[in-house]
Amino acid sequence: MTVWNSVVPSLRTNQRNILRLVAQHEQRNPHEPCYLGKVTASRRNVFLKAVASLEDKQLIDIERTGSNFQAWKVKLLIPVDTVI
């Protein structure tokens, strides 16, 4: 059941997709870290702005362990069932 709009009403499509990706990963693999995926060079800035915005809204937490964003671990800070 999606309680999406009442929980996070002001997300853009990219932000919503990233949040759903992280939530699905945590639901399927609760004991494995979730890493940010590959992004084409032309979409990288948009992707990183969306990730930063989610972190500013305190919906996800990012553990920046390396200089490459694909090595960053992402953790959902809201319950999974409010996203999926």
PDB file of N, CA and C in Angstrom:
ATOM      1  N   MET A   1       0.848  -1.182   0.000  1.00  0.00           N
ATOM      2  CA  MET A   1       0.000   0.000   0.000  1.00  0.00           C
ATOM      3  C   MET A   1       0.889   1.237   0.000  1.00  0.00           C
ATOM      4  N   THR A   2       0.586   2.187  -0.829  1.00  0.00           N
ATOM      5  CA  THR A   2       1.392   3.388  -0.932  1.00  0.00           C
ATOM      6  C   THR A   2       0.722   4.530  -0.180  1.00  0.00           C
ATOM      7  N   VAL A   3       1.444   5.089   0.744  1.00  0.00           N
ATOM      8  CA  VAL A   3       0.979   6.255   1.487  1.00  0.00           C
ATOM      9  C   VAL A   3       1.840   7.421   1.038  1.00  0.00           C
ATOM     10  N   TRP A   4       2.226   7.361  -0.208  1.00  0.00           N
ATOM     11  CA  TRP A   4       3.283   8.183  -0.769  1.00  0.00           C
ATOM     12  C   TRP A   4       3.049   9.673  -0.639  1.00  0.00           C
ATOM     13  N   ASN A   5       1.953  10.180  -1.156  1.00  0.00           N
ATOM     14  CA  ASN A   5       1.764  11.630  -1.213  1.00  0.00           C
ATOM     15  C   ASN A   5       1.580  12.249   0.160  1.00  0.00           C
ATOM     16  N   SER A   6       1.049  11.513   1.107  1.00  0.00           N
ATOM     17  CA  SER A   6       0.884  12.086   2.440  1.00  0.00           C
ATOM     18  C   SER A   6       2.204  12.136   3.201  1.00  0.00           C
ATOM     19  N   VAL A   7       3.129  11.228   2.890  1.00  0.00           N
ATOM     20  CA  VAL A   7       4.413  11.199   3.590  1.00  0.00           C
ATOM     21  C   VAL A   7       5.389  12.198   2.985  1.00  0.00           C
ATOM     22  N   VAL A   8       5.538  12.163   1.686  1.00  0.00           N
ATOM     23  CA  VAL A   8       6.513  13.013   0.999  1.00  0.00           C
ATOM     24  C   VAL A   8       5.840  13.637  -0.222  1.00  0.00           C
ATOM     25  N   PRO A   9       5.146  14.746  -0.046  1.00  0.00           N
ATOM     26  CA  PRO A   9       4.365  15.299  -1.152  1.00  0.00           C
ATOM     27  C   PRO A   9       5.170  16.054  -2.208  1.00  0.00           C
ATOM     28  N   SER A  10       6.372  16.503  -1.891  1.00  0.00           N
ATOM     29  CA  SER A  10       7.055  17.419  -2.808  1.00  0.00           C
ATOM     30  C   SER A  10       8.264  16.810  -3.502  1.00  0.00           C
ATOM     31  N   LEU A  11       8.225  15.535  -3.830  1.00  0.00           N
ATOM     32  CA  LEU A  11       9.359  14.919  -4.515  1.00  0.00           C
ATOM     33  C   LEU A  11       9.179  14.974  -6.019  1.00  0.00           C
ATOM     34  N   ARG A  12      10.279  15.162  -6.706  1.00  0.00           N
ATOM     35  CA  ARG A  12      10.278  15.101  -8.171  1.00  0.00           C
ATOM     36  C   ARG A  12      10.409  13.642  -8.595  1.00  0.00           C
ATOM     37  N   THR A  13      10.231  13.393  -9.855  1.00  0.00           N
ATOM     38  CA  THR A  13      10.249  12.021 -10.373  1.00  0.00           C
ATOM     39  C   THR A  13      11.576  11.324 -10.091  1.00  0.00           C
ATOM     40  N   ASN A  14      12.697  11.995 -10.350  1.00  0.00           N
ATOM     41  CA  ASN A  14      14.005  11.386 -10.093  1.00  0.00           C
ATOM     42  C   ASN A  14      14.183  11.046  -8.621  1.00  0.00           C
ATOM     43  N   GLN A  15      13.773  11.945  -7.748  1.00  0.00           N
ATOM     44  CA  GLN A  15      13.897  11.709  -6.309  1.00  0.00           C
ATOM     45  C   GLN A  15      13.034  10.524  -5.878  1.00  0.00           C
ATOM     46  N   ARG A  16      11.821  10.476  -6.394  1.00  0.00           N
ATOM     47  CA  ARG A  16      10.895   9.386  -6.068  1.00  0.00           C
ATOM     48  C   ARG A  16      11.451   8.053  -6.545  1.00  0.00           C
ATOM     49  N   ASN A  17      12.031   8.033  -7.738  1.00  0.00           N
ATOM     50  CA  ASN A  17      12.602   6.794  -8.271  1.00  0.00           C
ATOM     51  C   ASN A  17      13.796   6.311  -7.451  1.00  0.00           C
ATOM     52  N   ILE A  18      14.646   7.231  -7.040  1.00  0.00           N
ATOM     53  CA  ILE A  18      15.797   6.854  -6.215  1.00  0.00           C
ATOM     54  C   ILE A  18      15.324   6.318  -4.866  1.00  0.00           C
ATOM     55  N   LEU A  19      14.348   6.993  -4.274  1.00  0.00           N
ATOM     56  CA  LEU A  19      13.820   6.561  -2.981  1.00  0.00           C
ATOM     57  C   LEU A  19      13.189   5.180  -3.086  1.00  0.00           C
ATOM     58  N   ARG A  20      12.464   4.929  -4.148  1.00  0.00           N
ATOM     59  CA  ARG A  20      11.854   3.606  -4.352  1.00  0.00           C
ATOM     60  C   ARG A  20      12.919   2.533  -4.574  1.00  0.00           C
ATOM     61  N   LEU A  21      13.964   2.867  -5.307  1.00  0.00           N
ATOM     62  CA  LEU A  21      15.057   1.924  -5.544  1.00  0.00           C
ATOM     63  C   LEU A  21      15.702   1.505  -4.224  1.00  0.00           C
ATOM     64  N   VAL A  22      15.977   2.472  -3.367  1.00  0.00           N
ATOM     65  CA  VAL A  22      16.585   2.179  -2.067  1.00  0.00           C
ATOM     66  C   VAL A  22      15.627   1.361  -1.200  1.00  0.00           C
ATOM     67  N   ALA A  23      14.340   1.725  -1.210  1.00  0.00           N
ATOM     68  CA  ALA A  23      13.352   0.998  -0.408  1.00  0.00           C
ATOM     69  C   ALA A  23      13.193  -0.444  -0.882  1.00  0.00           C
ATOM     70  N   GLN A  24      13.159  -0.654  -2.196  1.00  0.00           N
ATOM     71  CA  GLN A  24      13.048  -2.011  -2.727  1.00  0.00           C
ATOM     72  C   GLN A  24      14.259  -2.838  -2.371  1.00  0.00           C
ATOM     73  N   HIS A  25      15.438  -2.233  -2.424  1.00  0.00           N
ATOM     74  CA  HIS A  25      16.650  -2.961  -2.056  1.00  0.00           C
ATOM     75  C   HIS A  25      16.605  -3.359  -0.581  1.00  0.00           C
ATOM     76  N   GLU A  26      16.211  -2.425   0.286  1.00  0.00           N
ATOM     77  CA  GLU A  26      16.154  -2.732   1.718  1.00  0.00           C
ATOM     78  C   GLU A  26      15.101  -3.780   2.037  1.00  0.00           C
ATOM     79  N   GLN A  27      14.034  -3.807   1.257  1.00  0.00           N
ATOM     80  CA  GLN A  27      12.991  -4.807   1.480  1.00  0.00           C
ATOM     81  C   GLN A  27      13.464  -6.196   1.043  1.00  0.00           C
ATOM     82  N   ARG A  28      14.153  -6.275  -0.080  1.00  0.00           N
ATOM     83  CA  ARG A  28      14.618  -7.561  -0.597  1.00  0.00           C
ATOM     84  C   ARG A  28      15.872  -8.066   0.104  1.00  0.00           C
ATOM     85  N   ASN A  29      16.773  -7.163   0.438  1.00  0.00           N
ATOM     86  CA  ASN A  29      18.069  -7.519   1.028  1.00  0.00           C
ATOM     87  C   ASN A  29      18.302  -6.687   2.289  1.00  0.00           C
ATOM     88  N   PRO A  30      17.610  -6.999   3.365  1.00  0.00           N
ATOM     89  CA  PRO A  30      17.691  -6.127   4.543  1.00  0.00           C
ATOM     90  C   PRO A  30      19.054  -6.076   5.220  1.00  0.00           C
ATOM     91  N   HIS A  31      19.910  -7.050   4.985  1.00  0.00           N
ATOM     92  CA  HIS A  31      21.200  -7.076   5.674  1.00  0.00           C
ATOM     93  C   HIS A  31      22.380  -6.719   4.772  1.00  0.00           C
ATOM     94  N   GLU A  32      22.088  -6.278   3.548  1.00  0.00           N
ATOM     95  CA  GLU A  32      23.144  -5.879   2.619  1.00  0.00           C
ATOM     96  C   GLU A  32      23.071  -4.376   2.374  1.00  0.00           C
ATOM     97  N   PRO A  33      24.206  -3.709   2.270  1.00  0.00           N
ATOM     98  CA  PRO A  33      24.171  -2.267   2.006  1.00  0.00           C
ATOM     99  C   PRO A  33      23.684  -1.966   0.586  1.00  0.00           C
ATOM    100  N   CYS A  34      23.061  -0.837   0.427  1.00  0.00           N
ATOM    101  CA  CYS A  34      22.581  -0.398  -0.880  1.00  0.00           C
ATOM    102  C   CYS A  34      23.564   0.647  -1.411  1.00  0.00           C
ATOM    103  N   TYR A  35      24.015   0.442  -2.625  1.00  0.00           N
ATOM    104  CA  TYR A  35      24.953   1.377  -3.257  1.00  0.00           C
ATOM    105  C   TYR A  35      24.236   2.124  -4.375  1.00  0.00           C
ATOM    106  N   LEU A  36      24.684   3.327  -4.663  1.00  0.00           N
ATOM    107  CA  LEU A  36      24.138   4.075  -5.784  1.00  0.00           C
ATOM    108  C   LEU A  36      24.591   3.421  -7.077  1.00  0.00           C
ATOM    109  N   GLY A  37      23.726   3.375  -8.053  1.00  0.00           N
ATOM    110  CA  GLY A  37      24.021   2.689  -9.299  1.00  0.00           C
ATOM    111  C   GLY A  37      24.766   3.535 -10.306  1.00  0.00           C
ATOM    112  N   LYS A  38      24.968   2.953 -11.473  1.00  0.00           N
ATOM    113  CA  LYS A  38      25.659   3.652 -12.557  1.00  0.00           C
ATOM    114  C   LYS A  38      24.709   4.657 -13.198  1.00  0.00           C
ATOM    115  N   VAL A  39      25.277   5.766 -13.623  1.00  0.00           N
ATOM    116  CA  VAL A  39      24.516   6.821 -14.280  1.00  0.00           C
ATOM    117  C   VAL A  39      25.338   7.302 -15.465  1.00  0.00           C
ATOM    118  N   THR A  40      24.679   7.600 -16.560  1.00  0.00           N
ATOM    119  CA  THR A  40      25.398   8.129 -17.713  1.00  0.00           C
ATOM    120  C   THR A  40      25.963   9.505 -17.374  1.00  0.00           C
ATOM    121  N   ALA A  41      26.994   9.878 -18.057  1.00  0.00           N
ATOM    122  CA  ALA A  41      27.673  11.146 -17.776  1.00  0.00           C
ATOM    123  C   ALA A  41      26.737  12.342 -17.939  1.00  0.00           C
ATOM    124  N   SER A  42      25.839  12.269 -18.893  1.00  0.00           N
ATOM    125  CA  SER A  42      24.937  13.400 -19.133  1.00  0.00           C
ATOM    126  C   SER A  42      23.897  13.558 -18.022  1.00  0.00           C
ATOM    127  N   ARG A  43      23.593  12.500 -17.288  1.00  0.00           N
ATOM    128  CA  ARG A  43      22.576  12.552 -16.227  1.00  0.00           C
ATOM    129  C   ARG A  43      23.183  12.621 -14.827  1.00  0.00           C
ATOM    130  N   ARG A  44      24.499  12.591 -14.727  1.00  0.00           N
ATOM    131  CA  ARG A  44      25.150  12.518 -13.420  1.00  0.00           C
ATOM    132  C   ARG A  44      24.812  13.702 -12.511  1.00  0.00           C
ATOM    133  N   ASN A  45      24.855  14.926 -13.034  1.00  0.00           N
ATOM    134  CA  ASN A  45      24.571  16.104 -12.206  1.00  0.00           C
ATOM    135  C   ASN A  45      23.138  16.094 -11.690  1.00  0.00           C
ATOM    136  N   VAL A  46      22.198  15.734 -12.543  1.00  0.00           N
ATOM    137  CA  VAL A  46      20.788  15.663 -12.128  1.00  0.00           C
ATOM    138  C   VAL A  46      20.611  14.599 -11.057  1.00  0.00           C
ATOM    139  N   PHE A  47      21.259  13.467 -11.242  1.00  0.00           N
ATOM    140  CA  PHE A  47      21.174  12.362 -10.290  1.00  0.00           C
ATOM    141  C   PHE A  47      21.745  12.761  -8.934  1.00  0.00           C
ATOM    142  N   LEU A  48      22.922  13.371  -8.923  1.00  0.00           N
ATOM    143  CA  LEU A  48      23.555  13.753  -7.666  1.00  0.00           C
ATOM    144  C   LEU A  48      22.780  14.861  -6.954  1.00  0.00           C
ATOM    145  N   LYS A  49      22.153  15.770  -7.706  1.00  0.00           N
ATOM    146  CA  LYS A  49      21.307  16.791  -7.083  1.00  0.00           C
ATOM    147  C   LYS A  49      20.082  16.153  -6.437  1.00  0.00           C
ATOM    148  N   ALA A  50      19.506  15.151  -7.092  1.00  0.00           N
ATOM    149  CA  ALA A  50      18.340  14.459  -6.532  1.00  0.00           C
ATOM    150  C   ALA A  50      18.719  13.718  -5.257  1.00  0.00           C
ATOM    151  N   VAL A  51      19.869  13.060  -5.254  1.00  0.00           N
ATOM    152  CA  VAL A  51      20.344  12.347  -4.067  1.00  0.00           C
ATOM    153  C   VAL A  51      20.609  13.332  -2.928  1.00  0.00           C
ATOM    154  N   ALA A  52      21.239  14.448  -3.226  1.00  0.00           N
ATOM    155  CA  ALA A  52      21.525  15.463  -2.201  1.00  0.00           C
ATOM    156  C   ALA A  52      20.231  16.044  -1.632  1.00  0.00           C
ATOM    157  N   SER A  53      19.250  16.238  -2.483  1.00  0.00           N
ATOM    158  CA  SER A  53      17.968  16.762  -2.028  1.00  0.00           C
ATOM    159  C   SER A  53      17.267  15.783  -1.087  1.00  0.00           C
ATOM    160  N   LEU A  54      17.326  14.489  -1.404  1.00  0.00           N
ATOM    161  CA  LEU A  54      16.736  13.476  -0.524  1.00  0.00           C
ATOM    162  C   LEU A  54      17.445  13.450   0.825  1.00  0.00           C
ATOM    163  N   GLU A  55      18.741  13.648   0.793  1.00  0.00           N
ATOM    164  CA  GLU A  55      19.498  13.677   2.043  1.00  0.00           C
ATOM    165  C   GLU A  55      19.157  14.936   2.849  1.00  0.00           C
ATOM    166  N   ASP A  56      18.990  16.070   2.179  1.00  0.00           N
ATOM    167  CA  ASP A  56      18.608  17.313   2.869  1.00  0.00           C
ATOM    168  C   ASP A  56      17.232  17.201   3.512  1.00  0.00           C
ATOM    169  N   LYS A  57      16.337  16.467   2.864  1.00  0.00           N
ATOM    170  CA  LYS A  57      14.979  16.271   3.404  1.00  0.00           C
ATOM    171  C   LYS A  57      14.936  15.176   4.468  1.00  0.00           C
ATOM    172  N   GLN A  58      16.091  14.603   4.780  1.00  0.00           N
ATOM    173  CA  GLN A  58      16.261  13.562   5.784  1.00  0.00           C
ATOM    174  C   GLN A  58      15.409  12.326   5.491  1.00  0.00           C
ATOM    175  N   LEU A  59      15.400  11.937   4.209  1.00  0.00           N
ATOM    176  CA  LEU A  59      14.711  10.710   3.798  1.00  0.00           C
ATOM    177  C   LEU A  59      15.699   9.564   3.630  1.00  0.00           C
ATOM    178  N   ILE A  60      16.954   9.903   3.282  1.00  0.00           N
ATOM    179  CA  ILE A  60      18.004   8.904   3.166  1.00  0.00           C
ATOM    180  C   ILE A  60      19.248   9.409   3.882  1.00  0.00           C
ATOM    181  N   ASP A  61      20.120   8.477   4.226  1.00  0.00           N
ATOM    182  CA  ASP A  61      21.413   8.810   4.809  1.00  0.00           C
ATOM    183  C   ASP A  61      22.478   8.214   3.902  1.00  0.00           C
ATOM    184  N   ILE A  62      23.490   8.985   3.591  1.00  0.00           N
ATOM    185  CA  ILE A  62      24.542   8.524   2.687  1.00  0.00           C
ATOM    186  C   ILE A  62      25.860   8.456   3.440  1.00  0.00           C
ATOM    187  N   GLU A  63      26.476   7.289   3.384  1.00  0.00           N
ATOM    188  CA  GLU A  63      27.808   7.107   3.962  1.00  0.00           C
ATOM    189  C   GLU A  63      28.807   7.215   2.818  1.00  0.00           C
ATOM    190  N   ARG A  64      29.464   8.340   2.741  1.00  0.00           N
ATOM    191  CA  ARG A  64      30.400   8.597   1.647  1.00  0.00           C
ATOM    192  C   ARG A  64      31.752   7.987   1.991  1.00  0.00           C
ATOM    193  N   THR A  65      31.963   6.772   1.500  1.00  0.00           N
ATOM    194  CA  THR A  65      33.185   6.042   1.847  1.00  0.00           C
ATOM    195  C   THR A  65      34.274   6.182   0.797  1.00  0.00           C
ATOM    196  N   GLY A  66      33.949   6.712  -0.361  1.00  0.00           N
ATOM    197  CA  GLY A  66      34.946   6.849  -1.412  1.00  0.00           C
ATOM    198  C   GLY A  66      34.697   8.091  -2.237  1.00  0.00           C
ATOM    199  N   SER A  67      35.620   8.407  -3.111  1.00  0.00           N
ATOM    200  CA  SER A  67      35.466   9.587  -3.954  1.00  0.00           C
ATOM    201  C   SER A  67      34.469   9.346  -5.082  1.00  0.00           C
ATOM    202  N   ASN A  68      34.299   8.100  -5.472  1.00  0.00           N
ATOM    203  CA  ASN A  68      33.346   7.746  -6.510  1.00  0.00           C
ATOM    204  C   ASN A  68      31.977   7.515  -5.867  1.00  0.00           C
ATOM    205  N   PHE A  69      30.937   8.164  -6.388  1.00  0.00           N
ATOM    206  CA  PHE A  69      29.625   8.073  -5.760  1.00  0.00           C
ATOM    207  C   PHE A  69      29.042   6.661  -5.810  1.00  0.00           C
ATOM    208  N   GLN A  70      29.543   5.792  -6.678  1.00  0.00           N
ATOM    209  CA  GLN A  70      29.027   4.423  -6.741  1.00  0.00           C
ATOM    210  C   GLN A  70      29.457   3.593  -5.536  1.00  0.00           C
ATOM    211  N   ALA A  71      30.401   4.073  -4.758  1.00  0.00           N
ATOM    212  CA  ALA A  71      30.843   3.369  -3.556  1.00  0.00           C
ATOM    213  C   ALA A  71      30.104   3.858  -2.311  1.00  0.00           C
ATOM    214  N   TRP A  72      29.232   4.868  -2.464  1.00  0.00           N
ATOM    215  CA  TRP A  72      28.506   5.410  -1.330  1.00  0.00           C
ATOM    216  C   TRP A  72      27.396   4.458  -0.905  1.00  0.00           C
ATOM    217  N   LYS A  73      27.271   4.246   0.393  1.00  0.00           N
ATOM    218  CA  LYS A  73      26.208   3.400   0.933  1.00  0.00           C
ATOM    219  C   LYS A  73      25.015   4.287   1.285  1.00  0.00           C
ATOM    220  N   VAL A  74      23.826   3.829   0.904  1.00  0.00           N
ATOM    221  CA  VAL A  74      22.609   4.602   1.121  1.00  0.00           C
ATOM    222  C   VAL A  74      21.706   3.842   2.077  1.00  0.00           C
ATOM    223  N   LYS A  75      21.150   4.558   3.037  1.00  0.00           N
ATOM    224  CA  LYS A  75      20.237   3.950   3.995  1.00  0.00           C
ATOM    225  C   LYS A  75      18.959   4.776   4.043  1.00  0.00           C
ATOM    226  N   LEU A  76      17.836   4.104   4.026  1.00  0.00           N
ATOM    227  CA  LEU A  76      16.526   4.754   4.094  1.00  0.00           C
ATOM    228  C   LEU A  76      16.241   5.158   5.535  1.00  0.00           C
ATOM    229  N   LEU A  77      15.768   6.384   5.753  1.00  0.00           N
ATOM    230  CA  LEU A  77      15.495   6.864   7.098  1.00  0.00           C
ATOM    231  C   LEU A  77      14.003   6.876   7.450  1.00  0.00           C
ATOM    232  N   ILE A  78      13.155   6.483   6.505  1.00  0.00           N
ATOM    233  CA  ILE A  78      11.725   6.369   6.776  1.00  0.00           C
ATOM    234  C   ILE A  78      11.320   4.912   6.589  1.00  0.00           C
ATOM    235  N   PRO A  79      10.199   4.483   7.160  1.00  0.00           N
ATOM    236  CA  PRO A  79       9.797   3.073   7.020  1.00  0.00           C
ATOM    237  C   PRO A  79       9.594   2.681   5.556  1.00  0.00           C
ATOM    238  N   VAL A  80      10.031   1.482   5.225  1.00  0.00           N
ATOM    239  CA  VAL A  80       9.959   0.986   3.844  1.00  0.00           C
ATOM    240  C   VAL A  80       8.512   0.954   3.346  1.00  0.00           C
ATOM    241  N   ASP A  81       7.580   0.551   4.192  1.00  0.00           N
ATOM    242  CA  ASP A  81       6.199   0.399   3.724  1.00  0.00           C
ATOM    243  C   ASP A  81       5.511   1.733   3.451  1.00  0.00           C
ATOM    244  N   THR A  82       6.107   2.858   3.807  1.00  0.00           N
ATOM    245  CA  THR A  82       5.532   4.130   3.411  1.00  0.00           C
ATOM    246  C   THR A  82       5.967   4.540   2.019  1.00  0.00           C
ATOM    247  N   VAL A  83       6.981   3.861   1.488  1.00  0.00           N
ATOM    248  CA  VAL A  83       7.507   4.197   0.172  1.00  0.00           C
ATOM    249  C   VAL A  83       6.949   3.256  -0.889  1.00  0.00           C
ATOM    250  N   ILE A  84       6.924   1.964  -0.605  1.00  0.00           N
ATOM    251  CA  ILE A  84       6.525   0.975  -1.608  1.00  0.00           C
ATOM    252  C   ILE A  84       5.032   0.760  -1.564  1.00  0.00           C
TER     253      ILE A  84
END
